[in-house]
Amino acid sequence: MPRMLDVSDEVRAEIGDEEADRLLAGETAPGSYDCTSCRTPGDSEQERTSTVLFIGEETAVLAFAHAGCLPSQVVKVTEEQLQGAVKSISGDTSGRNSEQAAPEQAVLGVTSGLVLISGELHPALVVEPTAPIARPGTTGPGDDFLPLLIEQGFMPTGDLSTAPAVLHGWSVLLAMGRLHAVLQPGANGGRPVAWWQAHQPLQVTEGWRTAAGKHHQVLMFAAPVGTIGRQPREDLLRDALDKAAANGQLVAAALPLAGT
């Protein structure tokens, strides 16, 4: 039976016309699946389903997602991340609730948590460098982390009484039920590139994924080094965010889920 599959041109280019046609004809596509984004069941015979191709250095994995969660696309990841994705598909849910970027990238600590705003829980990422961030091409002890983000469209936040505005062009890639990257616009309108990429896909809670699926966006808060710290509980994280906002040390934006 033909499946209600979306196979994008870029996925077709990677897997070939023959395999794409076999998928669309239902020969190789699954009926039921676990959505690679929200991890809830899907049925390609009953609802629109996206094909998502994860490509590593040596291998590739074809996964499926609700069309409302992710569009059909190619996602390039490291081989290590791809193996983590395979483990996620096979049911290995080991992971941590905070992650630090790879040493060769910007040294950014990223923590996921739920933030209560106007009576609703919102999925949030809190970004804090482990050292001052200098403006590219400059040296010295200055910290330009917040000014650099403000130049990109993030807004200073004096309190957390309302959700920040959406920053179009940026997005959060949640795939295989895990956080993979924060994406920023590519040069000259090109494909988005990773502003931050998890060294290993970051496990998030089921409540966080549910809230992300409800709002179709993630709130990102950023503060200078030493402002937030590694808080073991969400109430302590909220207290630290409120303090940072009151001290003028917090910027924020709402980032759409990748492809939405």
C-alpha atoms as a PDB file:
ATOM      1  CA  MET A   1       0.000   0.000   0.000  1.00  0.00           C
ATOM      2  CA  PRO A   2       1.431   3.446  -0.885  1.00  0.00           C
ATOM      3  CA  ARG A   3       2.565   5.417   2.129  1.00  0.00           C
ATOM      4  CA  MET A   4       1.826   9.064   2.917  1.00  0.00           C
ATOM      5  CA  LEU A   5       5.524   9.849   2.717  1.00  0.00           C
ATOM      6  CA  ASP A   6       7.316  13.090   1.961  1.00  0.00           C
ATOM      7  CA  VAL A   7      10.706  12.533   0.307  1.00  0.00           C
ATOM      8  CA  SER A   8      12.469  15.862  -0.260  1.00  0.00           C
ATOM      9  CA  ASP A   9      14.642  16.493  -3.295  1.00  0.00           C
ATOM     10  CA  GLU A  10      17.765  16.493  -1.132  1.00  0.00           C
ATOM     11  CA  VAL A  11      16.871  13.136   0.429  1.00  0.00           C
ATOM     12  CA  ARG A  12      16.090  11.726  -3.026  1.00  0.00           C
ATOM     13  CA  ALA A  13      19.458  12.957  -4.293  1.00  0.00           C
ATOM     14  CA  GLU A  14      21.216  11.075  -1.509  1.00  0.00           C
ATOM     15  CA  ILE A  15      19.333   7.769  -1.621  1.00  0.00           C
ATOM     16  CA  GLY A  16      18.658   7.673  -5.373  1.00  0.00           C
ATOM     17  CA  ASP A  17      15.464   7.675  -7.412  1.00  0.00           C
ATOM     18  CA  GLU A  18      15.014   3.901  -7.231  1.00  0.00           C
ATOM     19  CA  GLU A  19      15.075   3.738  -3.435  1.00  0.00           C
ATOM     20  CA  ALA A  20      12.903   6.871  -3.153  1.00  0.00           C
ATOM     21  CA  ASP A  21      10.297   5.333  -5.464  1.00  0.00           C
ATOM     22  CA  ARG A  22      10.341   2.086  -3.465  1.00  0.00           C
ATOM     23  CA  LEU A  23       9.714   4.081  -0.295  1.00  0.00           C
ATOM     24  CA  LEU A  24       6.816   5.979  -1.841  1.00  0.00           C
ATOM     25  CA  ALA A  25       5.334   2.728  -3.148  1.00  0.00           C
ATOM     26  CA  GLY A  26       5.417   1.279   0.357  1.00  0.00           C
ATOM     27  CA  GLU A  27       7.883  -1.480  -0.483  1.00  0.00           C
ATOM     28  CA  THR A  28      10.544  -0.443   2.026  1.00  0.00           C
ATOM     29  CA  ALA A  29       8.771   2.112   4.225  1.00  0.00           C
ATOM     30  CA  PRO A  30       7.491   1.068   7.642  1.00  0.00           C
ATOM     31  CA  GLY A  31       3.815   1.267   8.486  1.00  0.00           C
ATOM     32  CA  SER A  32       4.168   2.270  12.114  1.00  0.00           C
ATOM     33  CA  TYR A  33       7.243   4.027  13.488  1.00  0.00           C
ATOM     34  CA  ASP A  34       8.451   6.117  16.407  1.00  0.00           C
ATOM     35  CA  CYS A  35       8.809   9.745  15.308  1.00  0.00           C
ATOM     36  CA  THR A  36      12.492  10.677  15.250  1.00  0.00           C
ATOM     37  CA  SER A  37      11.628  14.068  16.755  1.00  0.00           C
ATOM     38  CA  CYS A  38       8.915  13.648  19.380  1.00  0.00           C
ATOM     39  CA  ARG A  39       9.373   9.867  19.866  1.00  0.00           C
ATOM     40  CA  THR A  40       5.638   9.192  19.824  1.00  0.00           C
ATOM     41  CA  PRO A  41       4.123   6.576  17.455  1.00  0.00           C
ATOM     42  CA  GLY A  42       3.300   7.431  13.861  1.00  0.00           C
ATOM     43  CA  ASP A  43       1.665   5.576  10.980  1.00  0.00           C
ATOM     44  CA  SER A  44       2.754   6.307   7.422  1.00  0.00           C
ATOM     45  CA  GLU A  45      -0.471   4.738   6.104  1.00  0.00           C
ATOM     46  CA  GLN A  46      -2.651   7.167   8.052  1.00  0.00           C
ATOM     47  CA  GLU A  47      -0.711  10.445   8.365  1.00  0.00           C
ATOM     48  CA  ARG A  48       1.834  12.478   6.460  1.00  0.00           C
ATOM     49  CA  THR A  49       5.316  11.271   7.321  1.00  0.00           C
ATOM     50  CA  SER A  50       8.701  12.813   6.583  1.00  0.00           C
ATOM     51  CA  THR A  51      11.808  10.873   5.623  1.00  0.00           C
ATOM     52  CA  VAL A  52      14.849  12.225   7.490  1.00  0.00           C
ATOM     53  CA  LEU A  53      18.298  11.045   6.400  1.00  0.00           C
ATOM     54  CA  PHE A  54      21.109  11.315   8.954  1.00  0.00           C
ATOM     55  CA  ILE A  55      24.522  11.227   7.289  1.00  0.00           C
ATOM     56  CA  GLY A  56      27.791  10.639   9.138  1.00  0.00           C
ATOM     57  CA  GLU A  57      31.320  10.414   7.816  1.00  0.00           C
ATOM     58  CA  GLU A  58      30.967   6.762   6.818  1.00  0.00           C
ATOM     59  CA  THR A  59      27.371   5.679   7.336  1.00  0.00           C
ATOM     60  CA  ALA A  60      23.830   6.956   6.997  1.00  0.00           C
ATOM     61  CA  VAL A  61      20.533   6.227   8.758  1.00  0.00           C
ATOM     62  CA  LEU A  62      17.082   6.816   7.304  1.00  0.00           C
ATOM     63  CA  ALA A  63      14.520   7.746   9.937  1.00  0.00           C
ATOM     64  CA  PHE A  64      10.892   8.840   9.912  1.00  0.00           C
ATOM     65  CA  ALA A  65       9.044  11.709  11.574  1.00  0.00           C
ATOM     66  CA  HIS A  66       5.567  13.193  11.703  1.00  0.00           C
ATOM     67  CA  ALA A  67       5.428  15.807   8.949  1.00  0.00           C
ATOM     68  CA  GLY A  68       4.237  18.287  11.571  1.00  0.00           C
ATOM     69  CA  CYS A  69       7.389  17.695  13.644  1.00  0.00           C
ATOM     70  CA  LEU A  70      10.081  17.780  10.967  1.00  0.00           C
ATOM     71  CA  PRO A  71      10.160  18.216   7.196  1.00  0.00           C
ATOM     72  CA  SER A  72      11.892  15.691   4.991  1.00  0.00           C
ATOM     73  CA  GLN A  73      15.553  16.685   5.063  1.00  0.00           C
ATOM     74  CA  VAL A  74      19.174  15.601   5.184  1.00  0.00           C
ATOM     75  CA  VAL A  75      20.928  16.125   8.510  1.00  0.00           C
ATOM     76  CA  LYS A  76      24.720  15.887   8.542  1.00  0.00           C
ATOM     77  CA  VAL A  77      26.122  14.699  11.864  1.00  0.00           C
ATOM     78  CA  THR A  78      29.372  13.281  13.160  1.00  0.00           C
ATOM     79  CA  GLU A  79      29.873   9.529  13.106  1.00  0.00           C
ATOM     80  CA  GLU A  80      29.706   9.567  16.909  1.00  0.00           C
ATOM     81  CA  GLN A  81      26.370  11.359  16.834  1.00  0.00           C
ATOM     82  CA  LEU A  82      25.074   8.936  14.249  1.00  0.00           C
ATOM     83  CA  GLN A  83      25.929   5.978  16.462  1.00  0.00           C
ATOM     84  CA  GLY A  84      24.081   7.757  19.272  1.00  0.00           C
ATOM     85  CA  ALA A  85      21.098   8.106  16.966  1.00  0.00           C
ATOM     86  CA  VAL A  86      21.208   4.394  16.189  1.00  0.00           C
ATOM     87  CA  LYS A  87      21.252   3.638  19.912  1.00  0.00           C
ATOM     88  CA  SER A  88      18.266   5.957  20.344  1.00  0.00           C
ATOM     89  CA  ILE A  89      16.341   4.082  17.661  1.00  0.00           C
ATOM     90  CA  SER A  90      17.155   0.764  19.332  1.00  0.00           C
ATOM     91  CA  GLY A  91      15.890   2.035  22.677  1.00  0.00           C
ATOM     92  CA  ASP A  92      19.064   3.077  24.488  1.00  0.00           C
ATOM     93  CA  THR A  93      17.887   6.131  26.415  1.00  0.00           C
ATOM     94  CA  SER A  94      21.053   6.802  28.400  1.00  0.00           C
ATOM     95  CA  GLY A  95      22.012  10.457  28.467  1.00  0.00           C
ATOM     96  CA  ARG A  96      22.495  13.550  30.577  1.00  0.00           C
ATOM     97  CA  ASN A  97      20.426  16.661  31.052  1.00  0.00           C
ATOM     98  CA  SER A  98      23.263  19.057  30.304  1.00  0.00           C
ATOM     99  CA  GLU A  99      26.017  18.975  27.758  1.00  0.00           C
ATOM    100  CA  GLN A 100      29.117  20.934  26.886  1.00  0.00           C
ATOM    101  CA  ALA A 101      30.176  21.682  23.344  1.00  0.00           C
ATOM    102  CA  ALA A 102      33.163  19.946  21.794  1.00  0.00           C
ATOM    103  CA  PRO A 103      36.488  21.627  22.617  1.00  0.00           C
ATOM    104  CA  GLU A 104      37.135  22.553  18.992  1.00  0.00           C
ATOM    105  CA  GLN A 105      33.929  24.626  18.929  1.00  0.00           C
ATOM    106  CA  ALA A 106      32.893  27.582  21.059  1.00  0.00           C
ATOM    107  CA  VAL A 107      33.084  26.574  24.713  1.00  0.00           C
ATOM    108  CA  LEU A 108      29.411  26.832  25.567  1.00  0.00           C
ATOM    109  CA  GLY A 109      27.573  25.063  28.350  1.00  0.00           C
ATOM    110  CA  VAL A 110      23.984  24.211  27.373  1.00  0.00           C
ATOM    111  CA  THR A 111      21.329  23.047  29.825  1.00  0.00           C
ATOM    112  CA  SER A 112      17.747  22.084  29.018  1.00  0.00           C
ATOM    113  CA  GLY A 113      14.836  22.761  31.341  1.00  0.00           C
ATOM    114  CA  LEU A 114      11.197  23.815  31.558  1.00  0.00           C
ATOM    115  CA  VAL A 115      10.433  27.459  32.362  1.00  0.00           C
ATOM    116  CA  LEU A 116       7.023  28.628  33.610  1.00  0.00           C
ATOM    117  CA  ILE A 117       5.867  31.821  31.870  1.00  0.00           C
ATOM    118  CA  SER A 118       2.328  33.212  32.156  1.00  0.00           C
ATOM    119  CA  GLY A 119       1.072  29.933  33.575  1.00  0.00           C
ATOM    120  CA  GLU A 120       2.495  27.766  30.775  1.00  0.00           C
ATOM    121  CA  LEU A 121       5.553  25.536  30.716  1.00  0.00           C
ATOM    122  CA  HIS A 122       7.966  26.325  27.893  1.00  0.00           C
ATOM    123  CA  PRO A 123      10.942  24.221  26.792  1.00  0.00           C
ATOM    124  CA  ALA A 124      14.118  26.225  27.301  1.00  0.00           C
ATOM    125  CA  LEU A 125      17.829  26.039  26.644  1.00  0.00           C
ATOM    126  CA  VAL A 126      20.160  28.033  28.868  1.00  0.00           C
ATOM    127  CA  VAL A 127      23.521  28.857  27.302  1.00  0.00           C
ATOM    128  CA  GLU A 128      26.469  30.028  29.363  1.00  0.00           C
ATOM    129  CA  PRO A 129      30.114  30.051  28.236  1.00  0.00           C
ATOM    130  CA  THR A 130      32.753  28.513  30.464  1.00  0.00           C
ATOM    131  CA  ALA A 131      35.018  31.516  29.766  1.00  0.00           C
ATOM    132  CA  PRO A 132      34.609  35.064  28.409  1.00  0.00           C
ATOM    133  CA  ILE A 133      33.811  35.194  24.685  1.00  0.00           C
ATOM    134  CA  ALA A 134      35.883  37.717  22.737  1.00  0.00           C
ATOM    135  CA  ARG A 135      34.741  39.296  19.503  1.00  0.00           C
ATOM    136  CA  PRO A 136      36.379  37.507  16.527  1.00  0.00           C
ATOM    137  CA  GLY A 137      39.648  39.131  15.607  1.00  0.00           C
ATOM    138  CA  THR A 138      40.171  40.802  18.972  1.00  0.00           C
ATOM    139  CA  THR A 139      42.208  39.935  22.027  1.00  0.00           C
ATOM    140  CA  GLY A 140      41.958  40.979  25.622  1.00  0.00           C
ATOM    141  CA  PRO A 141      39.897  40.256  28.743  1.00  0.00           C
ATOM    142  CA  GLY A 142      36.601  41.672  27.442  1.00  0.00           C
ATOM    143  CA  ASP A 143      33.422  39.588  27.208  1.00  0.00           C
ATOM    144  CA  ASP A 144      31.358  40.274  24.073  1.00  0.00           C
ATOM    145  CA  PHE A 145      29.076  37.246  24.347  1.00  0.00           C
ATOM    146  CA  LEU A 146      25.829  39.156  24.903  1.00  0.00           C
ATOM    147  CA  PRO A 147      26.603  42.006  22.452  1.00  0.00           C
ATOM    148  CA  LEU A 148      27.380  39.450  19.741  1.00  0.00           C
ATOM    149  CA  LEU A 149      24.037  37.715  20.346  1.00  0.00           C
ATOM    150  CA  ILE A 150      22.158  41.033  20.413  1.00  0.00           C
ATOM    151  CA  GLU A 151      23.660  41.816  17.016  1.00  0.00           C
ATOM    152  CA  GLN A 152      22.182  38.511  15.802  1.00  0.00           C
ATOM    153  CA  GLY A 153      18.700  39.475  16.992  1.00  0.00           C
ATOM    154  CA  PHE A 154      18.524  38.207  20.567  1.00  0.00           C
ATOM    155  CA  MET A 155      16.897  40.716  22.914  1.00  0.00           C
ATOM    156  CA  PRO A 156      17.887  41.809  26.422  1.00  0.00           C
ATOM    157  CA  THR A 157      15.405  40.403  28.942  1.00  0.00           C
ATOM    158  CA  GLY A 158      14.593  42.330  32.115  1.00  0.00           C
ATOM    159  CA  ASP A 159      12.227  39.684  33.496  1.00  0.00           C
ATOM    160  CA  LEU A 160      10.600  36.401  32.558  1.00  0.00           C
ATOM    161  CA  SER A 161       6.990  37.553  32.737  1.00  0.00           C
ATOM    162  CA  THR A 162       6.465  37.098  28.990  1.00  0.00           C
ATOM    163  CA  ALA A 163       8.002  34.791  26.411  1.00  0.00           C
ATOM    164  CA  PRO A 164      10.635  36.367  24.136  1.00  0.00           C
ATOM    165  CA  ALA A 165       9.915  37.090  20.481  1.00  0.00           C
ATOM    166  CA  VAL A 166      10.631  34.553  17.746  1.00  0.00           C
ATOM    167  CA  LEU A 167      14.018  34.919  16.051  1.00  0.00           C
ATOM    168  CA  HIS A 168      13.473  33.747  12.499  1.00  0.00           C
ATOM    169  CA  GLY A 169      16.374  32.095  10.711  1.00  0.00           C
ATOM    170  CA  TRP A 170      17.616  30.454  13.903  1.00  0.00           C
ATOM    171  CA  SER A 171      16.244  27.081  14.978  1.00  0.00           C
ATOM    172  CA  VAL A 172      16.730  24.144  17.320  1.00  0.00           C
ATOM    173  CA  LEU A 173      17.348  20.692  15.848  1.00  0.00           C
ATOM    174  CA  LEU A 174      15.587  18.044  17.921  1.00  0.00           C
ATOM    175  CA  ALA A 175      15.891  14.646  16.264  1.00  0.00           C
ATOM    176  CA  MET A 176      15.791  11.036  17.443  1.00  0.00           C
ATOM    177  CA  GLY A 177      14.159  12.482  20.565  1.00  0.00           C
ATOM    178  CA  ARG A 178      17.414  14.242  21.451  1.00  0.00           C
ATOM    179  CA  LEU A 179      18.875  17.706  21.089  1.00  0.00           C
ATOM    180  CA  HIS A 180      21.467  17.875  18.339  1.00  0.00           C
ATOM    181  CA  ALA A 181      22.178  21.540  17.633  1.00  0.00           C
ATOM    182  CA  VAL A 182      21.223  25.197  17.674  1.00  0.00           C
ATOM    183  CA  LEU A 183      21.277  26.392  14.063  1.00  0.00           C
ATOM    184  CA  GLN A 184      21.897  29.911  12.770  1.00  0.00           C
ATOM    185  CA  PRO A 185      21.364  31.325   9.275  1.00  0.00           C
ATOM    186  CA  GLY A 186      23.972  30.341   6.717  1.00  0.00           C
ATOM    187  CA  ALA A 187      26.037  32.890   4.841  1.00  0.00           C
ATOM    188  CA  ASN A 188      24.240  34.673   1.999  1.00  0.00           C
ATOM    189  CA  GLY A 189      20.978  32.901   2.733  1.00  0.00           C
ATOM    190  CA  GLY A 190      22.519  29.424   2.484  1.00  0.00           C
ATOM    191  CA  ARG A 191      21.608  26.312   4.454  1.00  0.00           C
ATOM    192  CA  PRO A 192      21.580  26.897   8.244  1.00  0.00           C
ATOM    193  CA  VAL A 193      24.788  26.019  10.054  1.00  0.00           C
ATOM    194  CA  ALA A 194      25.416  24.905  13.623  1.00  0.00           C
ATOM    195  CA  TRP A 195      25.989  27.754  16.069  1.00  0.00           C
ATOM    196  CA  TRP A 196      26.249  25.111  18.789  1.00  0.00           C
ATOM    197  CA  GLN A 197      26.372  21.380  18.247  1.00  0.00           C
ATOM    198  CA  ALA A 198      26.185  18.732  20.949  1.00  0.00           C
ATOM    199  CA  HIS A 199      29.295  16.600  21.301  1.00  0.00           C
ATOM    200  CA  GLN A 200      26.853  13.743  21.791  1.00  0.00           C
ATOM    201  CA  PRO A 201      23.081  14.102  21.217  1.00  0.00           C
ATOM    202  CA  LEU A 202      21.641  15.582  24.396  1.00  0.00           C
ATOM    203  CA  GLN A 203      18.898  13.656  26.151  1.00  0.00           C
ATOM    204  CA  VAL A 204      15.908  15.792  27.123  1.00  0.00           C
ATOM    205  CA  THR A 205      12.985  14.846  29.327  1.00  0.00           C
ATOM    206  CA  GLU A 206       9.663  13.637  27.997  1.00  0.00           C
ATOM    207  CA  GLY A 207       8.026  16.760  29.459  1.00  0.00           C
ATOM    208  CA  TRP A 208      10.500  18.963  27.592  1.00  0.00           C
ATOM    209  CA  ARG A 209       9.797  17.156  24.286  1.00  0.00           C
ATOM    210  CA  THR A 210       6.047  17.413  24.884  1.00  0.00           C
ATOM    211  CA  ALA A 211       6.272  21.152  25.520  1.00  0.00           C
ATOM    212  CA  ALA A 212       8.469  21.604  22.436  1.00  0.00           C
ATOM    213  CA  GLY A 213       5.932  19.740  20.327  1.00  0.00           C
ATOM    214  CA  LYS A 214       3.105  21.863  21.734  1.00  0.00           C
ATOM    215  CA  HIS A 215       4.770  25.234  21.140  1.00  0.00           C
ATOM    216  CA  HIS A 216       6.822  24.227  18.044  1.00  0.00           C
ATOM    217  CA  GLN A 217       9.629  26.350  19.431  1.00  0.00           C
ATOM    218  CA  VAL A 218      12.237  26.460  22.178  1.00  0.00           C
ATOM    219  CA  LEU A 219      13.162  29.465  24.312  1.00  0.00           C
ATOM    220  CA  MET A 220      16.892  30.144  24.402  1.00  0.00           C
ATOM    221  CA  PHE A 221      18.377  32.198  27.221  1.00  0.00           C
ATOM    222  CA  ALA A 222      22.023  33.248  27.243  1.00  0.00           C
ATOM    223  CA  ALA A 223      24.120  34.798  30.011  1.00  0.00           C
ATOM    224  CA  PRO A 224      27.822  35.613  30.529  1.00  0.00           C
ATOM    225  CA  VAL A 225      30.213  33.185  32.190  1.00  0.00           C
ATOM    226  CA  GLY A 226      29.598  32.710  35.908  1.00  0.00           C
ATOM    227  CA  THR A 227      26.046  34.072  35.837  1.00  0.00           C
ATOM    228  CA  ILE A 228      23.825  30.966  35.902  1.00  0.00           C
ATOM    229  CA  GLY A 229      26.035  28.029  36.871  1.00  0.00           C
ATOM    230  CA  ARG A 230      25.067  24.361  36.756  1.00  0.00           C
ATOM    231  CA  GLN A 231      21.802  24.229  38.677  1.00  0.00           C
ATOM    232  CA  PRO A 232      20.644  20.738  39.738  1.00  0.00           C
ATOM    233  CA  ARG A 233      16.927  21.616  39.799  1.00  0.00           C
ATOM    234  CA  GLU A 234      14.624  23.606  37.530  1.00  0.00           C
ATOM    235  CA  ASP A 235      13.442  25.855  40.376  1.00  0.00           C
ATOM    236  CA  LEU A 236      17.049  26.816  41.099  1.00  0.00           C
ATOM    237  CA  LEU A 237      17.639  27.360  37.398  1.00  0.00           C
ATOM    238  CA  ARG A 238      14.625  29.690  37.277  1.00  0.00           C
ATOM    239  CA  ASP A 239      15.918  31.628  40.290  1.00  0.00           C
ATOM    240  CA  ALA A 240      19.279  32.073  38.560  1.00  0.00           C
ATOM    241  CA  LEU A 241      17.561  33.234  35.359  1.00  0.00           C
ATOM    242  CA  ASP A 242      15.429  35.756  37.260  1.00  0.00           C
ATOM    243  CA  LYS A 243      18.526  37.115  38.992  1.00  0.00           C
ATOM    244  CA  ALA A 244      20.452  37.387  35.715  1.00  0.00           C
ATOM    245  CA  ALA A 245      17.519  39.193  34.070  1.00  0.00           C
ATOM    246  CA  ALA A 246      17.205  41.644  36.956  1.00  0.00           C
ATOM    247  CA  ASN A 247      20.934  42.388  36.690  1.00  0.00           C
ATOM    248  CA  GLY A 248      20.761  43.031  32.940  1.00  0.00           C
ATOM    249  CA  GLN A 249      22.796  39.913  32.151  1.00  0.00           C
ATOM    250  CA  LEU A 250      20.316  37.905  30.116  1.00  0.00           C
ATOM    251  CA  VAL A 251      19.303  37.852  26.455  1.00  0.00           C
ATOM    252  CA  ALA A 252      16.652  35.613  24.959  1.00  0.00           C
ATOM    253  CA  ALA A 253      14.748  34.574  21.856  1.00  0.00           C
ATOM    254  CA  ALA A 254      12.218  31.932  20.840  1.00  0.00           C
ATOM    255  CA  LEU A 255      13.743  29.590  18.255  1.00  0.00           C
ATOM    256  CA  PRO A 256      11.497  27.465  16.013  1.00  0.00           C
ATOM    257  CA  LEU A 257      12.094  23.730  15.870  1.00  0.00           C
ATOM    258  CA  ALA A 258      14.232  22.977  12.812  1.00  0.00           C
ATOM    259  CA  GLY A 259      12.172  23.029   9.643  1.00  0.00           C
ATOM    260  CA  THR A 260       9.036  24.476  11.190  1.00  0.00           C
END
